[in-house]
PDB file of N, CA and C in Angstrom:
ATOM      1  N   MET A   1      19.904   4.615 -23.648  1.00  0.00           N
ATOM      2  CA  MET A   1      20.265   5.415 -23.290  1.00  0.00           C
ATOM      3  C   MET A   1      19.281   2.970 -22.499  1.00  0.00           C
ATOM      4  N   PHE A   2      18.480   3.875 -22.556  1.00  0.00           N
ATOM      5  CA  PHE A   2      17.926   2.519 -22.420  1.00  0.00           C
ATOM      6  C   PHE A   2      17.504   0.964 -23.330  1.00  0.00           C
ATOM      7  N   GLU A   3      18.480   1.281 -24.699  1.00  0.00           N
ATOM      8  CA  GLU A   3      17.839   0.302 -25.715  1.00  0.00           C
ATOM      9  C   GLU A   3      18.850  -1.677 -24.430  1.00  0.00           C
ATOM     10  N   ASN A   4      19.942  -1.387 -24.357  1.00  0.00           N
ATOM     11  CA  ASN A   4      20.548  -2.895 -23.819  1.00  0.00           C
ATOM     12  C   ASN A   4      19.500  -3.142 -21.916  1.00  0.00           C
ATOM     13  N   PHE A   5      17.859  -2.588 -22.066  1.00  0.00           N
ATOM     14  CA  PHE A   5      17.164  -2.861 -20.989  1.00  0.00           C
ATOM     15  C   PHE A   5      16.020  -3.708 -21.097  1.00  0.00           C
ATOM     16  N   SER A   6      16.213  -4.760 -19.681  1.00  0.00           N
ATOM     17  CA  SER A   6      15.219  -5.991 -20.142  1.00  0.00           C
ATOM     18  C   SER A   6      13.609  -5.502 -19.905  1.00  0.00           C
ATOM     19  N   ALA A   7      13.162  -5.910 -20.616  1.00  0.00           N
ATOM     20  CA  ALA A   7      11.203  -5.375 -20.102  1.00  0.00           C
ATOM     21  C   ALA A   7      11.131  -4.489 -18.791  1.00  0.00           C
ATOM     22  N   ASP A   8      11.669  -6.061 -18.300  1.00  0.00           N
ATOM     23  CA  ASP A   8      11.063  -5.201 -17.061  1.00  0.00           C
ATOM     24  C   ASP A   8      11.379  -3.781 -15.957  1.00  0.00           C
ATOM     25  N   SER A   9      12.830  -3.970 -17.001  1.00  0.00           N
ATOM     26  CA  SER A   9      13.600  -2.582 -16.393  1.00  0.00           C
ATOM     27  C   SER A   9      13.519  -1.175 -17.298  1.00  0.00           C
ATOM     28  N   ARG A  10      12.448  -1.564 -17.430  1.00  0.00           N
ATOM     29  CA  ARG A  10      12.810  -0.501 -19.154  1.00  0.00           C
ATOM     30  C   ARG A  10      10.737  -0.343 -18.256  1.00  0.00           C
ATOM     31  N   ARG A  11       9.695  -1.112 -17.612  1.00  0.00           N
ATOM     32  CA  ARG A  11       9.242  -1.025 -17.488  1.00  0.00           C
ATOM     33  C   ARG A  11       9.046   0.081 -16.110  1.00  0.00           C
ATOM     34  N   ALA A  12       9.933  -0.177 -15.210  1.00  0.00           N
ATOM     35  CA  ALA A  12       9.557  -0.157 -13.945  1.00  0.00           C
ATOM     36  C   ALA A  12      10.381   1.875 -14.053  1.00  0.00           C
ATOM     37  N   VAL A  13      11.134   1.976 -15.469  1.00  0.00           N
ATOM     38  CA  VAL A  13      11.866   3.594 -15.633  1.00  0.00           C
ATOM     39  C   VAL A  13      10.699   3.989 -15.517  1.00  0.00           C
ATOM     40  N   VAL A  14       9.705   3.744 -16.486  1.00  0.00           N
ATOM     41  CA  VAL A  14       7.931   3.908 -17.191  1.00  0.00           C
ATOM     42  C   VAL A  14       7.219   4.543 -16.162  1.00  0.00           C
ATOM     43  N   ILE A  15       6.931   3.017 -14.861  1.00  0.00           N
ATOM     44  CA  ILE A  15       5.923   3.681 -14.166  1.00  0.00           C
ATOM     45  C   ILE A  15       7.203   5.147 -12.927  1.00  0.00           C
ATOM     46  N   ALA A  16       8.328   4.508 -12.797  1.00  0.00           N
ATOM     47  CA  ALA A  16       9.188   5.923 -12.463  1.00  0.00           C
ATOM     48  C   ALA A  16       8.076   6.985 -12.700  1.00  0.00           C
ATOM     49  N   GLN A  17       8.705   7.307 -13.333  1.00  0.00           N
ATOM     50  CA  GLN A  17       8.285   8.197 -14.782  1.00  0.00           C
ATOM     51  C   GLN A  17       6.580   9.114 -14.857  1.00  0.00           C
ATOM     52  N   GLU A  18       5.321   7.784 -14.676  1.00  0.00           N
ATOM     53  CA  GLU A  18       4.369   8.148 -14.505  1.00  0.00           C
ATOM     54  C   GLU A  18       3.830   8.299 -12.882  1.00  0.00           C
ATOM     55  N   GLU A  19       4.491   8.187 -11.607  1.00  0.00           N
ATOM     56  CA  GLU A  19       5.038   8.435 -10.627  1.00  0.00           C
ATOM     57  C   GLU A  19       4.924   9.669 -10.372  1.00  0.00           C
ATOM     58  N   ALA A  20       6.407  10.140 -10.854  1.00  0.00           N
ATOM     59  CA  ALA A  20       6.813  11.368 -10.342  1.00  0.00           C
ATOM     60  C   ALA A  20       5.473  12.807 -11.191  1.00  0.00           C
ATOM     61  N   ARG A  21       5.541  11.830 -12.716  1.00  0.00           N
ATOM     62  CA  ARG A  21       3.986  12.770 -13.326  1.00  0.00           C
ATOM     63  C   ARG A  21       3.231  13.265 -11.842  1.00  0.00           C
ATOM     64  N   GLY A  22       2.324  12.176 -11.755  1.00  0.00           N
ATOM     65  CA  GLY A  22       1.159  11.390 -11.005  1.00  0.00           C
ATOM     66  C   GLY A  22       1.299  12.650  -9.872  1.00  0.00           C
ATOM     67  N   LEU A  23       2.956  13.061  -8.640  1.00  0.00           N
ATOM     68  CA  LEU A  23       3.067  13.599  -7.750  1.00  0.00           C
ATOM     69  C   LEU A  23       3.388  15.099  -8.221  1.00  0.00           C
ATOM     70  N   ARG A  24       3.164  15.154  -9.593  1.00  0.00           N
ATOM     71  CA  ARG A  24       3.531  16.484  -9.702  1.00  0.00           C
ATOM     72  C   ARG A  24       5.346  16.741  -9.316  1.00  0.00           C
ATOM     73  N   GLN A  25       5.671  16.293  -9.315  1.00  0.00           N
ATOM     74  CA  GLN A  25       7.367  16.742  -8.645  1.00  0.00           C
ATOM     75  C   GLN A  25       7.696  16.656 -10.113  1.00  0.00           C
ATOM     76  N   GLU A  26       8.906  17.587  -9.729  1.00  0.00           N
ATOM     77  CA  GLU A  26       9.427  18.004 -10.911  1.00  0.00           C
ATOM     78  C   GLU A  26      10.563  16.805 -11.848  1.00  0.00           C
ATOM     79  N   HIS A  27      11.663  16.382 -11.119  1.00  0.00           N
ATOM     80  CA  HIS A  27      12.094  15.679 -11.879  1.00  0.00           C
ATOM     81  C   HIS A  27      12.402  13.920 -11.019  1.00  0.00           C
ATOM     82  N   ILE A  28      12.439  13.084 -11.985  1.00  0.00           N
ATOM     83  CA  ILE A  28      12.230  11.862 -11.497  1.00  0.00           C
ATOM     84  C   ILE A  28      13.136  11.379 -10.272  1.00  0.00           C
ATOM     85  N   GLU A  29      12.780  11.041  -9.454  1.00  0.00           N
ATOM     86  CA  GLU A  29      14.060  10.989  -7.958  1.00  0.00           C
ATOM     87  C   GLU A  29      13.571   9.377  -8.551  1.00  0.00           C
ATOM     88  N   VAL A  30      15.364   9.202  -7.387  1.00  0.00           N
ATOM     89  CA  VAL A  30      15.460   8.131  -7.338  1.00  0.00           C
ATOM     90  C   VAL A  30      14.144   7.036  -6.419  1.00  0.00           C
ATOM     91  N   THR A  31      13.749   7.659  -5.419  1.00  0.00           N
ATOM     92  CA  THR A  31      12.414   7.664  -5.200  1.00  0.00           C
ATOM     93  C   THR A  31      11.488   6.569  -5.885  1.00  0.00           C
ATOM     94  N   HIS A  32      11.533   7.078  -6.987  1.00  0.00           N
ATOM     95  CA  HIS A  32      10.679   6.841  -8.079  1.00  0.00           C
ATOM     96  C   HIS A  32      10.724   5.358  -9.259  1.00  0.00           C
ATOM     97  N   LEU A  33      11.914   5.715  -8.539  1.00  0.00           N
ATOM     98  CA  LEU A  33      12.831   4.112  -9.612  1.00  0.00           C
ATOM     99  C   LEU A  33      12.793   3.255  -8.149  1.00  0.00           C
ATOM    100  N   VAL A  34      13.061   3.477  -7.490  1.00  0.00           N
ATOM    101  CA  VAL A  34      12.328   1.954  -6.559  1.00  0.00           C
ATOM    102  C   VAL A  34      11.732   1.781  -6.562  1.00  0.00           C
ATOM    103  N   LEU A  35       9.856   2.881  -6.532  1.00  0.00           N
ATOM    104  CA  LEU A  35       8.751   2.153  -6.707  1.00  0.00           C
ATOM    105  C   LEU A  35       8.538   1.546  -7.705  1.00  0.00           C
ATOM    106  N   GLY A  36       9.280   2.283  -9.127  1.00  0.00           N
ATOM    107  CA  GLY A  36       9.365   1.736 -10.119  1.00  0.00           C
ATOM    108  C   GLY A  36       9.983  -0.267  -9.666  1.00  0.00           C
ATOM    109  N   VAL A  37      10.517  -0.484  -9.310  1.00  0.00           N
ATOM    110  CA  VAL A  37      11.498  -1.788  -9.195  1.00  0.00           C
ATOM    111  C   VAL A  37      10.900  -2.562  -8.082  1.00  0.00           C
ATOM    112  N   THR A  38      10.464  -2.042  -7.410  1.00  0.00           N
ATOM    113  CA  THR A  38       8.856  -2.317  -6.572  1.00  0.00           C
ATOM    114  C   THR A  38       7.449  -3.171  -7.060  1.00  0.00           C
ATOM    115  N   TYR A  39       7.418  -2.210  -8.359  1.00  0.00           N
ATOM    116  CA  TYR A  39       6.262  -3.283  -9.406  1.00  0.00           C
ATOM    117  C   TYR A  39       6.398  -4.365  -9.469  1.00  0.00           C
ATOM    118  N   VAL A  40       8.005  -4.206 -11.016  1.00  0.00           N
ATOM    119  CA  VAL A  40       8.415  -5.636 -11.075  1.00  0.00           C
ATOM    120  C   VAL A  40       9.468  -6.358 -10.804  1.00  0.00           C
ATOM    121  N   GLY A  41      10.172  -5.921  -9.448  1.00  0.00           N
ATOM    122  CA  GLY A  41      10.472  -7.307  -9.405  1.00  0.00           C
ATOM    123  C   GLY A  41      10.281  -7.656  -7.518  1.00  0.00           C
ATOM    124  N   PRO A  42       9.254  -7.513  -6.758  1.00  0.00           N
ATOM    125  CA  PRO A  42       8.820  -6.675  -5.939  1.00  0.00           C
ATOM    126  C   PRO A  42       9.628  -7.808  -4.425  1.00  0.00           C
ATOM    127  N   GLY A  43      10.663  -8.727  -5.382  1.00  0.00           N
ATOM    128  CA  GLY A  43      10.565  -9.570  -4.056  1.00  0.00           C
ATOM    129  C   GLY A  43      11.949  -9.442  -2.999  1.00  0.00           C
ATOM    130  N   VAL A  44      12.696  -8.835  -3.384  1.00  0.00           N
ATOM    131  CA  VAL A  44      13.850  -8.586  -2.535  1.00  0.00           C
ATOM    132  C   VAL A  44      13.301  -6.822  -2.093  1.00  0.00           C
ATOM    133  N   LEU A  45      12.887  -5.692  -2.050  1.00  0.00           N
ATOM    134  CA  LEU A  45      12.205  -5.224  -1.526  1.00  0.00           C
ATOM    135  C   LEU A  45      11.269  -5.301  -0.515  1.00  0.00           C
ATOM    136  N   SER A  46      10.492  -6.641  -0.911  1.00  0.00           N
ATOM    137  CA  SER A  46       9.525  -6.639   0.152  1.00  0.00           C
ATOM    138  C   SER A  46       9.743  -6.986   1.383  1.00  0.00           C
ATOM    139  N   ALA A  47      10.640  -7.986   0.756  1.00  0.00           N
ATOM    140  CA  ALA A  47      11.043  -8.369   2.009  1.00  0.00           C
ATOM    141  C   ALA A  47      11.973  -8.130   3.465  1.00  0.00           C
ATOM    142  N   TYR A  48      12.389  -6.603   3.382  1.00  0.00           N
ATOM    143  CA  TYR A  48      12.747  -5.837   3.865  1.00  0.00           C
ATOM    144  C   TYR A  48      11.406  -4.735   4.367  1.00  0.00           C
ATOM    145  N   GLY A  49      10.204  -5.216   4.151  1.00  0.00           N
ATOM    146  CA  GLY A  49       8.967  -3.768   4.286  1.00  0.00           C
ATOM    147  C   GLY A  49       8.808  -2.954   3.456  1.00  0.00           C
ATOM    148  N   ILE A  50       9.629  -2.783   1.716  1.00  0.00           N
ATOM    149  CA  ILE A  50       9.738  -1.349   0.857  1.00  0.00           C
ATOM    150  C   ILE A  50       8.373  -2.135  -0.369  1.00  0.00           C
ATOM    151  N   THR A  51       7.055  -1.647   0.439  1.00  0.00           N
ATOM    152  CA  THR A  51       6.179  -2.146  -1.016  1.00  0.00           C
ATOM    153  C   THR A  51       6.137  -0.964  -1.980  1.00  0.00           C
ATOM    154  N   PRO A  52       5.212  -1.472  -3.177  1.00  0.00           N
ATOM    155  CA  PRO A  52       4.979  -0.270  -3.596  1.00  0.00           C
ATOM    156  C   PRO A  52       4.183   0.927  -2.691  1.00  0.00           C
ATOM    157  N   ARG A  53       3.254   0.616  -1.589  1.00  0.00           N
ATOM    158  CA  ARG A  53       2.515   1.718  -0.752  1.00  0.00           C
ATOM    159  C   ARG A  53       3.604   2.665  -0.575  1.00  0.00           C
ATOM    160  N   HIS A  54       4.562   2.047   0.102  1.00  0.00           N
ATOM    161  CA  HIS A  54       5.352   2.921   1.390  1.00  0.00           C
ATOM    162  C   HIS A  54       6.388   3.320   0.285  1.00  0.00           C
ATOM    163  N   ALA A  55       6.903   2.941  -1.285  1.00  0.00           N
ATOM    164  CA  ALA A  55       7.509   3.481  -1.417  1.00  0.00           C
ATOM    165  C   ALA A  55       6.777   4.485  -2.385  1.00  0.00           C
ATOM    166  N   ARG A  56       5.565   5.039  -2.301  1.00  0.00           N
ATOM    167  CA  ARG A  56       5.292   5.642  -3.109  1.00  0.00           C
ATOM    168  C   ARG A  56       5.069   6.752  -1.739  1.00  0.00           C
ATOM    169  N   MET A  57       4.622   6.584  -1.092  1.00  0.00           N
ATOM    170  CA  MET A  57       4.025   7.941   0.322  1.00  0.00           C
ATOM    171  C   MET A  57       5.224   8.526   0.574  1.00  0.00           C
ATOM    172  N   VAL A  58       6.706   7.480   0.567  1.00  0.00           N
ATOM    173  CA  VAL A  58       8.076   7.867   0.472  1.00  0.00           C
ATOM    174  C   VAL A  58       8.655   8.890  -1.126  1.00  0.00           C
ATOM    175  N   ALA A  59       8.247   8.399  -1.644  1.00  0.00           N
ATOM    176  CA  ALA A  59       8.604   9.443  -3.146  1.00  0.00           C
ATOM    177  C   ALA A  59       7.389  11.257  -3.111  1.00  0.00           C
ATOM    178  N   ALA A  60       6.595  10.882  -2.590  1.00  0.00           N
ATOM    179  CA  ALA A  60       5.629  11.900  -2.314  1.00  0.00           C
ATOM    180  C   ALA A  60       5.698  12.710  -1.059  1.00  0.00           C
ATOM    181  N   ARG A  61       6.875  12.459  -0.158  1.00  0.00           N
ATOM    182  CA  ARG A  61       6.893  13.317   0.366  1.00  0.00           C
ATOM    183  C   ARG A  61       8.424  13.769   0.436  1.00  0.00           C
ATOM    184  N   ALA A  62       8.872  13.461  -0.192  1.00  0.00           N
ATOM    185  CA  ALA A  62      10.908  13.032  -0.828  1.00  0.00           C
ATOM    186  C   ALA A  62      10.763  14.604  -0.516  1.00  0.00           C
ATOM    187  N   THR A  63      10.315  14.727  -1.899  1.00  0.00           N
ATOM    188  CA  THR A  63      10.142  16.119  -2.913  1.00  0.00           C
ATOM    189  C   THR A  63       9.168  16.621  -3.479  1.00  0.00           C
ATOM    190  N   PRO A  64       9.084  19.066  -3.285  1.00  0.00           N
ATOM    191  CA  PRO A  64       7.384  19.308  -2.864  1.00  0.00           C
ATOM    192  C   PRO A  64       7.238  19.249  -4.740  1.00  0.00           C
ATOM    193  N   ARG A  65       5.822  19.733  -4.297  1.00  0.00           N
ATOM    194  CA  ARG A  65       4.811  18.810  -5.407  1.00  0.00           C
ATOM    195  C   ARG A  65       5.154  20.619  -5.969  1.00  0.00           C
ATOM    196  N   LEU A  66       4.980  20.252  -7.912  1.00  0.00           N
ATOM    197  CA  LEU A  66       4.600  20.884  -8.395  1.00  0.00           C
ATOM    198  C   LEU A  66       3.263  22.442  -8.277  1.00  0.00           C
ATOM    199  N   GLU A  67       3.461  23.462  -8.330  1.00  0.00           N
ATOM    200  CA  GLU A  67       1.849  23.595  -9.013  1.00  0.00           C
ATOM    201  C   GLU A  67       0.993  23.019  -9.805  1.00  0.00           C
ATOM    202  N   GLN A  68       1.379  22.646 -10.884  1.00  0.00           N
ATOM    203  CA  GLN A  68       0.593  22.630 -11.902  1.00  0.00           C
ATOM    204  C   GLN A  68       1.339  20.683 -12.605  1.00  0.00           C
ATOM    205  N   GLN A  69       0.485  19.407 -12.158  1.00  0.00           N
ATOM    206  CA  GLN A  69       1.149  18.555 -13.437  1.00  0.00           C
ATOM    207  C   GLN A  69       1.816  18.773 -13.850  1.00  0.00           C
ATOM    208  N   ARG A  70       2.989  18.237 -14.494  1.00  0.00           N
ATOM    209  CA  ARG A  70       3.929  18.252 -15.336  1.00  0.00           C
ATOM    210  C   ARG A  70       4.056  17.791 -16.936  1.00  0.00           C
ATOM    211  N   ILE A  71       4.433  18.751 -18.095  1.00  0.00           N
ATOM    212  CA  ILE A  71       2.995  17.866 -19.143  1.00  0.00           C
ATOM    213  C   ILE A  71       4.193  17.652 -20.105  1.00  0.00           C
ATOM    214  N   GLY A  72       4.596  17.018 -21.043  1.00  0.00           N
ATOM    215  CA  GLY A  72       5.669  16.560 -22.051  1.00  0.00           C
ATOM    216  C   GLY A  72       6.926  15.561 -20.846  1.00  0.00           C
ATOM    217  N   HIS A  73       8.023  15.679 -21.506  1.00  0.00           N
ATOM    218  CA  HIS A  73       9.296  14.984 -20.438  1.00  0.00           C
ATOM    219  C   HIS A  73       9.540  15.153 -19.543  1.00  0.00           C
ATOM    220  N   ILE A  74       9.953  14.677 -18.169  1.00  0.00           N
ATOM    221  CA  ILE A  74      10.295  14.326 -16.472  1.00  0.00           C
ATOM    222  C   ILE A  74      12.190  14.503 -16.802  1.00  0.00           C
ATOM    223  N   GLN A  75      13.522  14.767 -16.609  1.00  0.00           N
ATOM    224  CA  GLN A  75      14.389  14.710 -16.550  1.00  0.00           C
ATOM    225  C   GLN A  75      15.227  13.548 -15.662  1.00  0.00           C
ATOM    226  N   PHE A  76      15.415  12.868 -15.536  1.00  0.00           N
ATOM    227  CA  PHE A  76      15.877  11.944 -14.284  1.00  0.00           C
ATOM    228  C   PHE A  76      16.691  12.981 -13.770  1.00  0.00           C
ATOM    229  N   SER A  77      16.412  13.421 -12.132  1.00  0.00           N
ATOM    230  CA  SER A  77      17.697  13.961 -11.003  1.00  0.00           C
ATOM    231  C   SER A  77      19.535  12.943 -11.245  1.00  0.00           C
ATOM    232  N   THR A  78      19.764  13.896 -10.706  1.00  0.00           N
ATOM    233  CA  THR A  78      21.803  13.479 -11.153  1.00  0.00           C
ATOM    234  C   THR A  78      21.494  12.274 -10.255  1.00  0.00           C
ATOM    235  N   GLY A  79      20.748  12.296  -9.373  1.00  0.00           N
ATOM    236  CA  GLY A  79      20.696  10.589  -8.224  1.00  0.00           C
ATOM    237  C   GLY A  79      19.989   9.547  -9.344  1.00  0.00           C
ATOM    238  N   THR A  80      19.609   9.888  -9.699  1.00  0.00           N
ATOM    239  CA  THR A  80      18.752   8.568 -10.258  1.00  0.00           C
ATOM    240  C   THR A  80      19.741   8.592 -11.712  1.00  0.00           C
ATOM    241  N   ARG A  81      20.071   9.334 -12.227  1.00  0.00           N
ATOM    242  CA  ARG A  81      21.362   9.372 -13.750  1.00  0.00           C
ATOM    243  C   ARG A  81      22.307   7.931 -12.925  1.00  0.00           C
ATOM    244  N   GLU A  82      22.880   8.684 -11.851  1.00  0.00           N
ATOM    245  CA  GLU A  82      23.893   8.362 -11.543  1.00  0.00           C
ATOM    246  C   GLU A  82      23.438   6.553 -10.749  1.00  0.00           C
ATOM    247  N   ALA A  83      22.405   6.178 -10.386  1.00  0.00           N
ATOM    248  CA  ALA A  83      21.616   5.247 -10.062  1.00  0.00           C
ATOM    249  C   ALA A  83      21.446   3.942 -11.483  1.00  0.00           C
ATOM    250  N   ILE A  84      21.120   5.368 -12.679  1.00  0.00           N
ATOM    251  CA  ILE A  84      20.525   4.019 -13.711  1.00  0.00           C
ATOM    252  C   ILE A  84      22.021   3.617 -14.356  1.00  0.00           C
ATOM    253  N   ARG A  85      23.143   4.695 -14.518  1.00  0.00           N
ATOM    254  CA  ARG A  85      24.845   3.983 -15.079  1.00  0.00           C
ATOM    255  C   ARG A  85      25.198   3.150 -14.494  1.00  0.00           C
ATOM    256  N   VAL A  86      25.187   3.150 -12.505  1.00  0.00           N
ATOM    257  CA  VAL A  86      25.989   2.215 -11.968  1.00  0.00           C
ATOM    258  C   VAL A  86      25.184   0.974 -12.979  1.00  0.00           C
ATOM    259  N   ALA A  87      24.034   0.896 -12.722  1.00  0.00           N
ATOM    260  CA  ALA A  87      23.163   0.071 -13.711  1.00  0.00           C
ATOM    261  C   ALA A  87      23.609  -1.180 -14.320  1.00  0.00           C
ATOM    262  N   SER A  88      23.892   0.270 -15.654  1.00  0.00           N
ATOM    263  CA  SER A  88      24.013  -0.487 -16.799  1.00  0.00           C
ATOM    264  C   SER A  88      25.726  -0.682 -16.762  1.00  0.00           C
ATOM    265  N   PHE A  89      26.096  -0.575 -15.810  1.00  0.00           N
ATOM    266  CA  PHE A  89      27.673  -0.557 -15.644  1.00  0.00           C
ATOM    267  C   PHE A  89      27.675  -2.457 -15.468  1.00  0.00           C
ATOM    268  N   ILE A  90      27.085  -2.590 -13.776  1.00  0.00           N
ATOM    269  CA  ILE A  90      27.505  -3.584 -12.985  1.00  0.00           C
ATOM    270  C   ILE A  90      27.019  -4.715 -13.437  1.00  0.00           C
ATOM    271  N   ALA A  91      26.039  -5.123 -15.090  1.00  0.00           N
ATOM    272  CA  ALA A  91      25.531  -5.707 -16.022  1.00  0.00           C
ATOM    273  C   ALA A  91      26.681  -5.884 -16.554  1.00  0.00           C
ATOM    274  N   ASP A  92      26.700  -5.228 -17.953  1.00  0.00           N
ATOM    275  CA  ASP A  92      28.218  -5.015 -18.048  1.00  0.00           C
ATOM    276  C   ASP A  92      29.210  -5.657 -17.572  1.00  0.00           C
ATOM    277  N   ALA A  93      29.312  -5.763 -16.858  1.00  0.00           N
ATOM    278  CA  ALA A  93      30.768  -6.305 -15.487  1.00  0.00           C
ATOM    279  C   ALA A  93      30.792  -7.475 -15.349  1.00  0.00           C
ATOM    280  N   THR A  94      28.990  -7.492 -15.260  1.00  0.00           N
ATOM    281  CA  THR A  94      28.412  -9.517 -14.762  1.00  0.00           C
ATOM    282  C   THR A  94      28.552 -10.065 -15.503  1.00  0.00           C
ATOM    283  N   GLY A  95      29.067  -9.305 -17.132  1.00  0.00           N
ATOM    284  CA  GLY A  95      28.931 -10.209 -18.716  1.00  0.00           C
ATOM    285  C   GLY A  95      27.250 -10.882 -18.830  1.00  0.00           C
ATOM    286  N   CYS A  96      25.429  -9.603 -17.723  1.00  0.00           N
ATOM    287  CA  CYS A  96      24.404  -9.981 -18.264  1.00  0.00           C
ATOM    288  C   CYS A  96      23.868  -9.032 -19.616  1.00  0.00           C
ATOM    289  N   PRO A  97      24.193 -10.035 -20.846  1.00  0.00           N
ATOM    290  CA  PRO A  97      23.890  -8.552 -21.838  1.00  0.00           C
ATOM    291  C   PRO A  97      22.323  -7.210 -21.298  1.00  0.00           C
ATOM    292  N   THR A  98      21.273  -7.065 -21.426  1.00  0.00           N
ATOM    293  CA  THR A  98      20.685  -6.507 -20.310  1.00  0.00           C
ATOM    294  C   THR A  98      20.238  -6.060 -19.383  1.00  0.00           C
ATOM    295  N   VAL A  99      20.450  -5.185 -18.201  1.00  0.00           N
ATOM    296  CA  VAL A  99      20.856  -4.400 -17.585  1.00  0.00           C
ATOM    297  C   VAL A  99      18.176  -4.856 -16.481  1.00  0.00           C
ATOM    298  N   GLU A 100      18.918  -5.472 -15.841  1.00  0.00           N
ATOM    299  CA  GLU A 100      17.594  -6.093 -15.079  1.00  0.00           C
ATOM    300  C   GLU A 100      17.409  -5.091 -13.828  1.00  0.00           C
ATOM    301  N   PRO A 101      15.961  -5.910 -13.465  1.00  0.00           N
ATOM    302  CA  PRO A 101      15.433  -5.029 -12.157  1.00  0.00           C
ATOM    303  C   PRO A 101      16.253  -5.292 -11.055  1.00  0.00           C
ATOM    304  N   GLU A 102      17.514  -5.909 -10.843  1.00  0.00           N
ATOM    305  CA  GLU A 102      18.233  -6.521  -9.708  1.00  0.00           C
ATOM    306  C   GLU A 102      19.242  -5.566  -9.936  1.00  0.00           C
ATOM    307  N   HIS A 103      19.482  -5.130 -11.619  1.00  0.00           N
ATOM    308  CA  HIS A 103      20.817  -3.583 -11.341  1.00  0.00           C
ATOM    309  C   HIS A 103      20.754  -2.408 -11.062  1.00  0.00           C
ATOM    310  N   LEU A 104      19.190  -2.374 -12.074  1.00  0.00           N
ATOM    311  CA  LEU A 104      18.599  -1.189 -10.887  1.00  0.00           C
ATOM    312  C   LEU A 104      18.783  -1.311  -9.268  1.00  0.00           C
ATOM    313  N   LEU A 105      18.583  -1.599  -8.785  1.00  0.00           N
ATOM    314  CA  LEU A 105      18.178  -1.760  -7.427  1.00  0.00           C
ATOM    315  C   LEU A 105      19.860  -2.307  -6.552  1.00  0.00           C
ATOM    316  N   ALA A 106      21.003  -2.828  -7.171  1.00  0.00           N
ATOM    317  CA  ALA A 106      22.214  -2.834  -7.412  1.00  0.00           C
ATOM    318  C   ALA A 106      23.080  -1.136  -7.279  1.00  0.00           C
ATOM    319  N   GLY A 107      22.227  -0.277  -8.260  1.00  0.00           N
ATOM    320  CA  GLY A 107      22.907   0.868  -9.166  1.00  0.00           C
ATOM    321  C   GLY A 107      22.316   2.146  -7.562  1.00  0.00           C
ATOM    322  N   ILE A 108      20.525   1.358  -7.342  1.00  0.00           N
ATOM    323  CA  ILE A 108      20.637   2.370  -6.284  1.00  0.00           C
ATOM    324  C   ILE A 108      20.740   2.308  -5.027  1.00  0.00           C
ATOM    325  N   LEU A 109      21.747   1.130  -5.428  1.00  0.00           N
ATOM    326  CA  LEU A 109      22.415   0.758  -3.379  1.00  0.00           C
ATOM    327  C   LEU A 109      23.501   1.696  -2.943  1.00  0.00           C
ATOM    328  N   SER A 110      23.844   1.546  -4.619  1.00  0.00           N
ATOM    329  CA  SER A 110      25.500   1.649  -4.871  1.00  0.00           C
ATOM    330  C   SER A 110      25.794   3.427  -4.131  1.00  0.00           C
ATOM    331  N   ILE A 111      24.215   3.904  -4.052  1.00  0.00           N
ATOM    332  CA  ILE A 111      24.653   5.349  -4.556  1.00  0.00           C
ATOM    333  C   ILE A 111      24.405   5.875  -2.551  1.00  0.00           C
ATOM    334  N   GLY A 112      23.436   5.092  -2.390  1.00  0.00           N
ATOM    335  CA  GLY A 112      23.457   4.954  -0.942  1.00  0.00           C
ATOM    336  C   GLY A 112      21.687   5.291  -0.192  1.00  0.00           C
ATOM    337  N   ALA A 113      21.037   5.605  -1.967  1.00  0.00           N
ATOM    338  CA  ALA A 113      19.469   6.524  -2.219  1.00  0.00           C
ATOM    339  C   ALA A 113      18.293   5.259  -1.614  1.00  0.00           C
ATOM    340  N   LEU A 114      19.110   4.358  -0.912  1.00  0.00           N
ATOM    341  CA  LEU A 114      17.758   3.653  -0.070  1.00  0.00           C
ATOM    342  C   LEU A 114      17.310   3.610   1.018  1.00  0.00           C
ATOM    343  N   GLU A 115      18.515   4.566   1.641  1.00  0.00           N
ATOM    344  CA  GLU A 115      18.497   4.201   3.145  1.00  0.00           C
ATOM    345  C   GLU A 115      17.624   5.405   3.189  1.00  0.00           C
ATOM    346  N   ARG A 116      17.326   6.612   2.109  1.00  0.00           N
ATOM    347  CA  ARG A 116      16.229   7.487   2.601  1.00  0.00           C
ATOM    348  C   ARG A 116      14.517   6.297   1.852  1.00  0.00           C
ATOM    349  N   VAL A 117      14.634   5.280   2.101  1.00  0.00           N
ATOM    350  CA  VAL A 117      13.094   4.491   1.731  1.00  0.00           C
ATOM    351  C   VAL A 117      13.287   3.692   2.871  1.00  0.00           C
TER     352      VAL A 117
END
């Protein structure tokens, strides 16, 4: 699934997973993916006031915490899977050989998830 992701995009996904785990949440939500993108490609988002700190606060409020921190694999939410699917489609449609953080952001925007951030 991530073989055509750039190093920065992979890092954004790993950060999203780490944040979901650290916040003791059941799934990797779109807000976690936004948080990952703010770390690897903050330019566009910071212009709109979305910083890693802001994105983390939103992610923490977005879904309830589990009693205990999750061990092992954390699954993507339906919205996150859709944003990643759209990001891959956009990269392919524009002739980019790799999915970049801006494609992830476009995927997030296309499903209307950034409105919650």
